[in-house]
Amino acid sequence: MQDQNLNDKVIHLRRMAAEHFQKAAWNQLLALDNYQQNNLLAAERFAQLSFDDQMNGVECAELADAESLVLLDLNIEGGY
């Protein structure tokens, strides 16, 4: 049962990472559109949001990787 809970946690973290990366891409497009229209304040704001989302996505992905290693260690110790 513990394995399933860890597996669900890994899936949740990977989904969160994907959502953050998706938001980062969208905000980057908005930054580029605003830059093209010489709306530099909005462009900078969207660029910062994109960067923040990218960093959050990386953090979630790293947490998912760490949880995957814990799950792997538990499976090895359990003889699976």
PDB file of N, CA and C in Angstrom:
ATOM      1  N   MET A   1       0.819  -1.196   0.000  1.00  0.00           N
ATOM      2  CA  MET A   1       0.000   0.000   0.000  1.00  0.00           C
ATOM      3  C   MET A   1       0.863   1.260   0.000  1.00  0.00           C
ATOM      4  N   GLN A   2       1.963   1.210   0.734  1.00  0.00           N
ATOM      5  CA  GLN A   2       2.860   2.358   0.780  1.00  0.00           C
ATOM      6  C   GLN A   2       3.421   2.655  -0.610  1.00  0.00           C
ATOM      7  N   ASP A   3       3.707   1.591  -1.368  1.00  0.00           N
ATOM      8  CA  ASP A   3       4.216   1.771  -2.725  1.00  0.00           C
ATOM      9  C   ASP A   3       3.211   2.534  -3.587  1.00  0.00           C
ATOM     10  N   GLN A   4       1.936   2.187  -3.443  1.00  0.00           N
ATOM     11  CA  GLN A   4       0.904   2.861  -4.243  1.00  0.00           C
ATOM     12  C   GLN A   4       0.795   4.333  -3.869  1.00  0.00           C
ATOM     13  N   ASN A   5       0.892   4.639  -2.571  1.00  0.00           N
ATOM     14  CA  ASN A   5       0.841   6.036  -2.135  1.00  0.00           C
ATOM     15  C   ASN A   5       2.024   6.824  -2.698  1.00  0.00           C
ATOM     16  N   LEU A   6       3.231   6.221  -2.666  1.00  0.00           N
ATOM     17  CA  LEU A   6       4.405   6.889  -3.232  1.00  0.00           C
ATOM     18  C   LEU A   6       4.267   7.047  -4.739  1.00  0.00           C
ATOM     19  N   ASN A   7       3.733   6.028  -5.389  1.00  0.00           N
ATOM     20  CA  ASN A   7       3.527   6.089  -6.836  1.00  0.00           C
ATOM     21  C   ASN A   7       2.542   7.206  -7.185  1.00  0.00           C
ATOM     22  N   ASP A   8       1.466   7.307  -6.415  1.00  0.00           N
ATOM     23  CA  ASP A   8       0.498   8.384  -6.629  1.00  0.00           C
ATOM     24  C   ASP A   8       1.140   9.748  -6.406  1.00  0.00           C
ATOM     25  N   LYS A   9       2.018   9.841  -5.424  1.00  0.00           N
ATOM     26  CA  LYS A   9       2.701  11.106  -5.150  1.00  0.00           C
ATOM     27  C   LYS A   9       3.615  11.490  -6.311  1.00  0.00           C
ATOM     28  N   VAL A  10       4.326  10.510  -6.859  1.00  0.00           N
ATOM     29  CA  VAL A  10       5.200  10.769  -8.009  1.00  0.00           C
ATOM     30  C   VAL A  10       4.367  11.252  -9.200  1.00  0.00           C
ATOM     31  N   ILE A  11       3.257  10.597  -9.453  1.00  0.00           N
ATOM     32  CA  ILE A  11       2.387  10.994 -10.562  1.00  0.00           C
ATOM     33  C   ILE A  11       1.872  12.416 -10.348  1.00  0.00           C
ATOM     34  N   HIS A  12       1.458  12.718  -9.131  1.00  0.00           N
ATOM     35  CA  HIS A  12       0.962  14.058  -8.811  1.00  0.00           C
ATOM     36  C   HIS A  12       2.054  15.110  -9.030  1.00  0.00           C
ATOM     37  N   LEU A  13       3.261  14.828  -8.566  1.00  0.00           N
ATOM     38  CA  LEU A  13       4.361  15.777  -8.735  1.00  0.00           C
ATOM     39  C   LEU A  13       4.713  15.971 -10.208  1.00  0.00           C
ATOM     40  N   ARG A  14       4.702  14.905 -10.979  1.00  0.00           N
ATOM     41  CA  ARG A  14       4.998  15.021 -12.413  1.00  0.00           C
ATOM     42  C   ARG A  14       3.902  15.820 -13.131  1.00  0.00           C
ATOM     43  N   ARG A  15       2.657  15.611 -12.722  1.00  0.00           N
ATOM     44  CA  ARG A  15       1.557  16.373 -13.309  1.00  0.00           C
ATOM     45  C   ARG A  15       1.702  17.860 -12.972  1.00  0.00           C
ATOM     46  N   MET A  16       2.054  18.154 -11.725  1.00  0.00           N
ATOM     47  CA  MET A  16       2.269  19.544 -11.325  1.00  0.00           C
ATOM     48  C   MET A  16       3.411  20.170 -12.123  1.00  0.00           C
ATOM     49  N   ALA A  17       4.484  19.406 -12.330  1.00  0.00           N
ATOM     50  CA  ALA A  17       5.613  19.910 -13.114  1.00  0.00           C
ATOM     51  C   ALA A  17       5.154  20.243 -14.533  1.00  0.00           C
ATOM     52  N   ALA A  18       4.401  19.337 -15.134  1.00  0.00           N
ATOM     53  CA  ALA A  18       3.923  19.568 -16.502  1.00  0.00           C
ATOM     54  C   ALA A  18       3.041  20.814 -16.570  1.00  0.00           C
ATOM     55  N   GLU A  19       2.183  21.005 -15.566  1.00  0.00           N
ATOM     56  CA  GLU A  19       1.320  22.185 -15.548  1.00  0.00           C
ATOM     57  C   GLU A  19       2.139  23.471 -15.429  1.00  0.00           C
ATOM     58  N   HIS A  20       3.179  23.443 -14.602  1.00  0.00           N
ATOM     59  CA  HIS A  20       4.036  24.619 -14.470  1.00  0.00           C
ATOM     60  C   HIS A  20       4.780  24.912 -15.773  1.00  0.00           C
ATOM     61  N   PHE A  21       5.282  23.870 -16.422  1.00  0.00           N
ATOM     62  CA  PHE A  21       5.989  24.067 -17.692  1.00  0.00           C
ATOM     63  C   PHE A  21       5.043  24.612 -18.763  1.00  0.00           C
ATOM     64  N   GLN A  22       3.808  24.129 -18.746  1.00  0.00           N
ATOM     65  CA  GLN A  22       2.810  24.606 -19.699  1.00  0.00           C
ATOM     66  C   GLN A  22       2.508  26.095 -19.461  1.00  0.00           C
ATOM     67  N   LYS A  23       2.344  26.472 -18.195  1.00  0.00           N
ATOM     68  CA  LYS A  23       2.113  27.876 -17.867  1.00  0.00           C
ATOM     69  C   LYS A  23       3.323  28.729 -18.247  1.00  0.00           C
ATOM     70  N   ALA A  24       4.517  28.195 -18.039  1.00  0.00           N
ATOM     71  CA  ALA A  24       5.740  28.928 -18.394  1.00  0.00           C
ATOM     72  C   ALA A  24       5.769  29.211 -19.890  1.00  0.00           C
ATOM     73  N   ALA A  25       5.415  28.228 -20.687  1.00  0.00           N
ATOM     74  CA  ALA A  25       5.412  28.417 -22.145  1.00  0.00           C
ATOM     75  C   ALA A  25       4.371  29.455 -22.549  1.00  0.00           C
ATOM     76  N   TRP A  26       3.204  29.388 -21.955  1.00  0.00           N
ATOM     77  CA  TRP A  26       2.149  30.337 -22.282  1.00  0.00           C
ATOM     78  C   TRP A  26       2.580  31.760 -21.908  1.00  0.00           C
ATOM     79  N   ASN A  27       3.139  31.920 -20.704  1.00  0.00           N
ATOM     80  CA  ASN A  27       3.594  33.240 -20.275  1.00  0.00           C
ATOM     81  C   ASN A  27       4.735  33.761 -21.147  1.00  0.00           C
ATOM     82  N   GLN A  28       5.564  32.866 -21.643  1.00  0.00           N
ATOM     83  CA  GLN A  28       6.649  33.287 -22.544  1.00  0.00           C
ATOM     84  C   GLN A  28       6.071  33.820 -23.849  1.00  0.00           C
ATOM     85  N   LEU A  29       5.045  33.147 -24.359  1.00  0.00           N
ATOM     86  CA  LEU A  29       4.384  33.640 -25.574  1.00  0.00           C
ATOM     87  C   LEU A  29       3.754  35.016 -25.343  1.00  0.00           C
ATOM     88  N   LEU A  30       3.132  35.188 -24.188  1.00  0.00           N
ATOM     89  CA  LEU A  30       2.545  36.491 -23.866  1.00  0.00           C
ATOM     90  C   LEU A  30       3.629  37.559 -23.728  1.00  0.00           C
ATOM     91  N   ALA A  31       4.756  37.184 -23.155  1.00  0.00           N
ATOM     92  CA  ALA A  31       5.871  38.129 -23.051  1.00  0.00           C
ATOM     93  C   ALA A  31       6.351  38.548 -24.434  1.00  0.00           C
ATOM     94  N   LEU A  32       6.487  37.597 -25.331  1.00  0.00           N
ATOM     95  CA  LEU A  32       6.939  37.909 -26.691  1.00  0.00           C
ATOM     96  C   LEU A  32       5.936  38.787 -27.435  1.00  0.00           C
ATOM     97  N   ASP A  33       4.643  38.473 -27.284  1.00  0.00           N
ATOM     98  CA  ASP A  33       3.618  39.301 -27.929  1.00  0.00           C
ATOM     99  C   ASP A  33       3.676  40.736 -27.426  1.00  0.00           C
ATOM    100  N   ASN A  34       3.819  40.901 -26.118  1.00  0.00           N
ATOM    101  CA  ASN A  34       3.874  42.249 -25.553  1.00  0.00           C
ATOM    102  C   ASN A  34       5.153  42.972 -25.951  1.00  0.00           C
ATOM    103  N   TYR A  35       6.240  42.246 -26.033  1.00  0.00           N
ATOM    104  CA  TYR A  35       7.506  42.851 -26.482  1.00  0.00           C
ATOM    105  C   TYR A  35       7.371  43.351 -27.924  1.00  0.00           C
ATOM    106  N   GLN A  36       6.744  42.530 -28.741  1.00  0.00           N
ATOM    107  CA  GLN A  36       6.548  42.896 -30.148  1.00  0.00           C
ATOM    108  C   GLN A  36       5.693  44.167 -30.270  1.00  0.00           C
ATOM    109  N   GLN A  37       4.776  44.363 -29.340  1.00  0.00           N
ATOM    110  CA  GLN A  37       3.899  45.532 -29.358  1.00  0.00           C
ATOM    111  C   GLN A  37       4.496  46.708 -28.567  1.00  0.00           C
ATOM    112  N   ASN A  38       5.758  46.576 -28.180  1.00  0.00           N
ATOM    113  CA  ASN A  38       6.473  47.605 -27.407  1.00  0.00           C
ATOM    114  C   ASN A  38       5.826  47.899 -26.059  1.00  0.00           C
ATOM    115  N   ASN A  39       5.137  46.928 -25.524  1.00  0.00           N
ATOM    116  CA  ASN A  39       4.575  47.042 -24.181  1.00  0.00           C
ATOM    117  C   ASN A  39       5.569  46.355 -23.237  1.00  0.00           C
ATOM    118  N   LEU A  40       6.647  47.053 -22.956  1.00  0.00           N
ATOM    119  CA  LEU A  40       7.790  46.439 -22.272  1.00  0.00           C
ATOM    120  C   LEU A  40       7.509  46.075 -20.820  1.00  0.00           C
ATOM    121  N   LEU A  41       6.676  46.861 -20.145  1.00  0.00           N
ATOM    122  CA  LEU A  41       6.352  46.512 -18.751  1.00  0.00           C
ATOM    123  C   LEU A  41       5.595  45.189 -18.674  1.00  0.00           C
ATOM    124  N   ALA A  42       4.603  45.027 -19.530  1.00  0.00           N
ATOM    125  CA  ALA A  42       3.849  43.778 -19.554  1.00  0.00           C
ATOM    126  C   ALA A  42       4.745  42.622 -20.007  1.00  0.00           C
ATOM    127  N   ALA A  43       5.601  42.892 -20.981  1.00  0.00           N
ATOM    128  CA  ALA A  43       6.516  41.853 -21.467  1.00  0.00           C
ATOM    129  C   ALA A  43       7.420  41.369 -20.336  1.00  0.00           C
ATOM    130  N   GLU A  44       7.952  42.304 -19.564  1.00  0.00           N
ATOM    131  CA  GLU A  44       8.813  41.931 -18.444  1.00  0.00           C
ATOM    132  C   GLU A  44       8.044  41.143 -17.389  1.00  0.00           C
ATOM    133  N   ARG A  45       6.837  41.545 -17.129  1.00  0.00           N
ATOM    134  CA  ARG A  45       6.002  40.846 -16.129  1.00  0.00           C
ATOM    135  C   ARG A  45       5.741  39.405 -16.566  1.00  0.00           C
ATOM    136  N   PHE A  46       5.354  39.219 -17.824  1.00  0.00           N
ATOM    137  CA  PHE A  46       5.100  37.862 -18.315  1.00  0.00           C
ATOM    138  C   PHE A  46       6.384  37.036 -18.378  1.00  0.00           C
ATOM    139  N   ALA A  47       7.485  37.663 -18.700  1.00  0.00           N
ATOM    140  CA  ALA A  47       8.772  36.952 -18.711  1.00  0.00           C
ATOM    141  C   ALA A  47       9.120  36.479 -17.303  1.00  0.00           C
ATOM    142  N   GLN A  48       8.867  37.322 -16.304  1.00  0.00           N
ATOM    143  CA  GLN A  48       9.138  36.918 -14.915  1.00  0.00           C
ATOM    144  C   GLN A  48       8.218  35.790 -14.486  1.00  0.00           C
ATOM    145  N   LEU A  49       6.943  35.876 -14.862  1.00  0.00           N
ATOM    146  CA  LEU A  49       6.008  34.788 -14.548  1.00  0.00           C
ATOM    147  C   LEU A  49       6.452  33.483 -15.211  1.00  0.00           C
ATOM    148  N   SER A  50       6.917  33.587 -16.451  1.00  0.00           N
ATOM    149  CA  SER A  50       7.399  32.409 -17.165  1.00  0.00           C
ATOM    150  C   SER A  50       8.591  31.781 -16.441  1.00  0.00           C
ATOM    151  N   PHE A  51       9.519  32.638 -16.023  1.00  0.00           N
ATOM    152  CA  PHE A  51      10.691  32.145 -15.300  1.00  0.00           C
ATOM    153  C   PHE A  51      10.278  31.481 -13.990  1.00  0.00           C
ATOM    154  N   ASP A  52       9.380  32.120 -13.248  1.00  0.00           N
ATOM    155  CA  ASP A  52       8.928  31.553 -11.975  1.00  0.00           C
ATOM    156  C   ASP A  52       8.256  30.196 -12.181  1.00  0.00           C
ATOM    157  N   ASP A  53       7.394  30.113 -13.199  1.00  0.00           N
ATOM    158  CA  ASP A  53       6.734  28.839 -13.486  1.00  0.00           C
ATOM    159  C   ASP A  53       7.739  27.770 -13.899  1.00  0.00           C
ATOM    160  N   GLN A  54       8.737  28.161 -14.667  1.00  0.00           N
ATOM    161  CA  GLN A  54       9.779  27.215 -15.087  1.00  0.00           C
ATOM    162  C   GLN A  54      10.520  26.664 -13.866  1.00  0.00           C
ATOM    163  N   MET A  55      10.870  27.545 -12.939  1.00  0.00           N
ATOM    164  CA  MET A  55      11.576  27.111 -11.726  1.00  0.00           C
ATOM    165  C   MET A  55      10.688  26.216 -10.854  1.00  0.00           C
ATOM    166  N   ASN A  56       9.413  26.547 -10.767  1.00  0.00           N
ATOM    167  CA  ASN A  56       8.487  25.696 -10.014  1.00  0.00           C
ATOM    168  C   ASN A  56       8.342  24.325 -10.667  1.00  0.00           C
ATOM    169  N   GLY A  57       8.324  24.306 -11.994  1.00  0.00           N
ATOM    170  CA  GLY A  57       8.251  23.038 -12.717  1.00  0.00           C
ATOM    171  C   GLY A  57       9.477  22.179 -12.470  1.00  0.00           C
ATOM    172  N   VAL A  58      10.649  22.805 -12.487  1.00  0.00           N
ATOM    173  CA  VAL A  58      11.894  22.081 -12.220  1.00  0.00           C
ATOM    174  C   VAL A  58      11.879  21.520 -10.798  1.00  0.00           C
ATOM    175  N   GLU A  59      11.412  22.322  -9.854  1.00  0.00           N
ATOM    176  CA  GLU A  59      11.359  21.861  -8.464  1.00  0.00           C
ATOM    177  C   GLU A  59      10.430  20.648  -8.312  1.00  0.00           C
ATOM    178  N   CYS A  60       9.274  20.706  -8.936  1.00  0.00           N
ATOM    179  CA  CYS A  60       8.346  19.573  -8.874  1.00  0.00           C
ATOM    180  C   CYS A  60       8.947  18.332  -9.536  1.00  0.00           C
ATOM    181  N   ALA A  61       9.618  18.527 -10.658  1.00  0.00           N
ATOM    182  CA  ALA A  61      10.245  17.401 -11.354  1.00  0.00           C
ATOM    183  C   ALA A  61      11.348  16.780 -10.501  1.00  0.00           C
ATOM    184  N   GLU A  62      12.128  17.627  -9.833  1.00  0.00           N
ATOM    185  CA  GLU A  62      13.190  17.104  -8.964  1.00  0.00           C
ATOM    186  C   GLU A  62      12.610  16.350  -7.771  1.00  0.00           C
ATOM    187  N   LEU A  63      11.524  16.856  -7.203  1.00  0.00           N
ATOM    188  CA  LEU A  63      10.869  16.144  -6.105  1.00  0.00           C
ATOM    189  C   LEU A  63      10.316  14.799  -6.580  1.00  0.00           C
ATOM    190  N   ALA A  64       9.757  14.785  -7.775  1.00  0.00           N
ATOM    191  CA  ALA A  64       9.249  13.530  -8.332  1.00  0.00           C
ATOM    192  C   ALA A  64      10.386  12.533  -8.536  1.00  0.00           C
ATOM    193  N   ASP A  65      11.529  13.016  -9.017  1.00  0.00           N
ATOM    194  CA  ASP A  65      12.691  12.139  -9.187  1.00  0.00           C
ATOM    195  C   ASP A  65      13.143  11.565  -7.851  1.00  0.00           C
ATOM    196  N   ALA A  66      13.175  12.407  -6.821  1.00  0.00           N
ATOM    197  CA  ALA A  66      13.593  11.945  -5.495  1.00  0.00           C
ATOM    198  C   ALA A  66      12.613  10.901  -4.956  1.00  0.00           C
ATOM    199  N   GLU A  67      11.323  11.143  -5.131  1.00  0.00           N
ATOM    200  CA  GLU A  67      10.319  10.178  -4.670  1.00  0.00           C
ATOM    201  C   GLU A  67      10.436   8.862  -5.449  1.00  0.00           C
ATOM    202  N   SER A  68      10.761   8.964  -6.733  1.00  0.00           N
ATOM    203  CA  SER A  68      10.944   7.752  -7.550  1.00  0.00           C
ATOM    204  C   SER A  68      12.113   6.921  -7.028  1.00  0.00           C
ATOM    205  N   LEU A  69      13.173   7.591  -6.611  1.00  0.00           N
ATOM    206  CA  LEU A  69      14.323   6.872  -6.053  1.00  0.00           C
ATOM    207  C   LEU A  69      13.961   6.192  -4.740  1.00  0.00           C
ATOM    208  N   VAL A  70      13.170   6.856  -3.921  1.00  0.00           N
ATOM    209  CA  VAL A  70      12.712   6.248  -2.665  1.00  0.00           C
ATOM    210  C   VAL A  70      11.883   5.011  -2.976  1.00  0.00           C
ATOM    211  N   LEU A  71      10.988   5.121  -3.934  1.00  0.00           N
ATOM    212  CA  LEU A  71      10.151   3.992  -4.331  1.00  0.00           C
ATOM    213  C   LEU A  71      11.001   2.843  -4.861  1.00  0.00           C
ATOM    214  N   LEU A  72      11.996   3.164  -5.656  1.00  0.00           N
ATOM    215  CA  LEU A  72      12.897   2.141  -6.186  1.00  0.00           C
ATOM    216  C   LEU A  72      13.659   1.456  -5.061  1.00  0.00           C
ATOM    217  N   ASP A  73      14.160   2.242  -4.112  1.00  0.00           N
ATOM    218  CA  ASP A  73      14.879   1.671  -2.968  1.00  0.00           C
ATOM    219  C   ASP A  73      13.977   0.748  -2.157  1.00  0.00           C
ATOM    220  N   LEU A  74      12.728   1.159  -1.950  1.00  0.00           N
ATOM    221  CA  LEU A  74      11.800   0.315  -1.198  1.00  0.00           C
ATOM    222  C   LEU A  74      11.528  -0.991  -1.932  1.00  0.00           C
ATOM    223  N   ASN A  75      11.418  -0.926  -3.247  1.00  0.00           N
ATOM    224  CA  ASN A  75      11.166  -2.135  -4.040  1.00  0.00           C
ATOM    225  C   ASN A  75      12.382  -3.061  -4.019  1.00  0.00           C
ATOM    226  N   ILE A  76      13.579  -2.491  -4.045  1.00  0.00           N
ATOM    227  CA  ILE A  76      14.785  -3.316  -4.016  1.00  0.00           C
ATOM    228  C   ILE A  76      14.914  -3.992  -2.648  1.00  0.00           C
ATOM    229  N   GLU A  77      14.697  -3.217  -1.589  1.00  0.00           N
ATOM    230  CA  GLU A  77      14.781  -3.775  -0.238  1.00  0.00           C
ATOM    231  C   GLU A  77      13.709  -4.820   0.012  1.00  0.00           C
ATOM    232  N   GLY A  78      12.522  -4.623  -0.600  1.00  0.00           N
ATOM    233  CA  GLY A  78      11.434  -5.573  -0.414  1.00  0.00           C
ATOM    234  C   GLY A  78      11.559  -6.803  -1.295  1.00  0.00           C
ATOM    235  N   GLY A  79      12.533  -6.825  -2.171  1.00  0.00           N
ATOM    236  CA  GLY A  79      12.745  -7.983  -3.032  1.00  0.00           C
ATOM    237  C   GLY A  79      11.804  -8.083  -4.200  1.00  0.00           C
ATOM    238  N   TYR A  80      11.287  -6.939  -4.652  1.00  0.00           N
ATOM    239  CA  TYR A  80      10.354  -6.959  -5.789  1.00  0.00           C
ATOM    240  C   TYR A  80      11.095  -6.960  -7.087  1.00  0.00           C
TER     241      TYR A  80
END
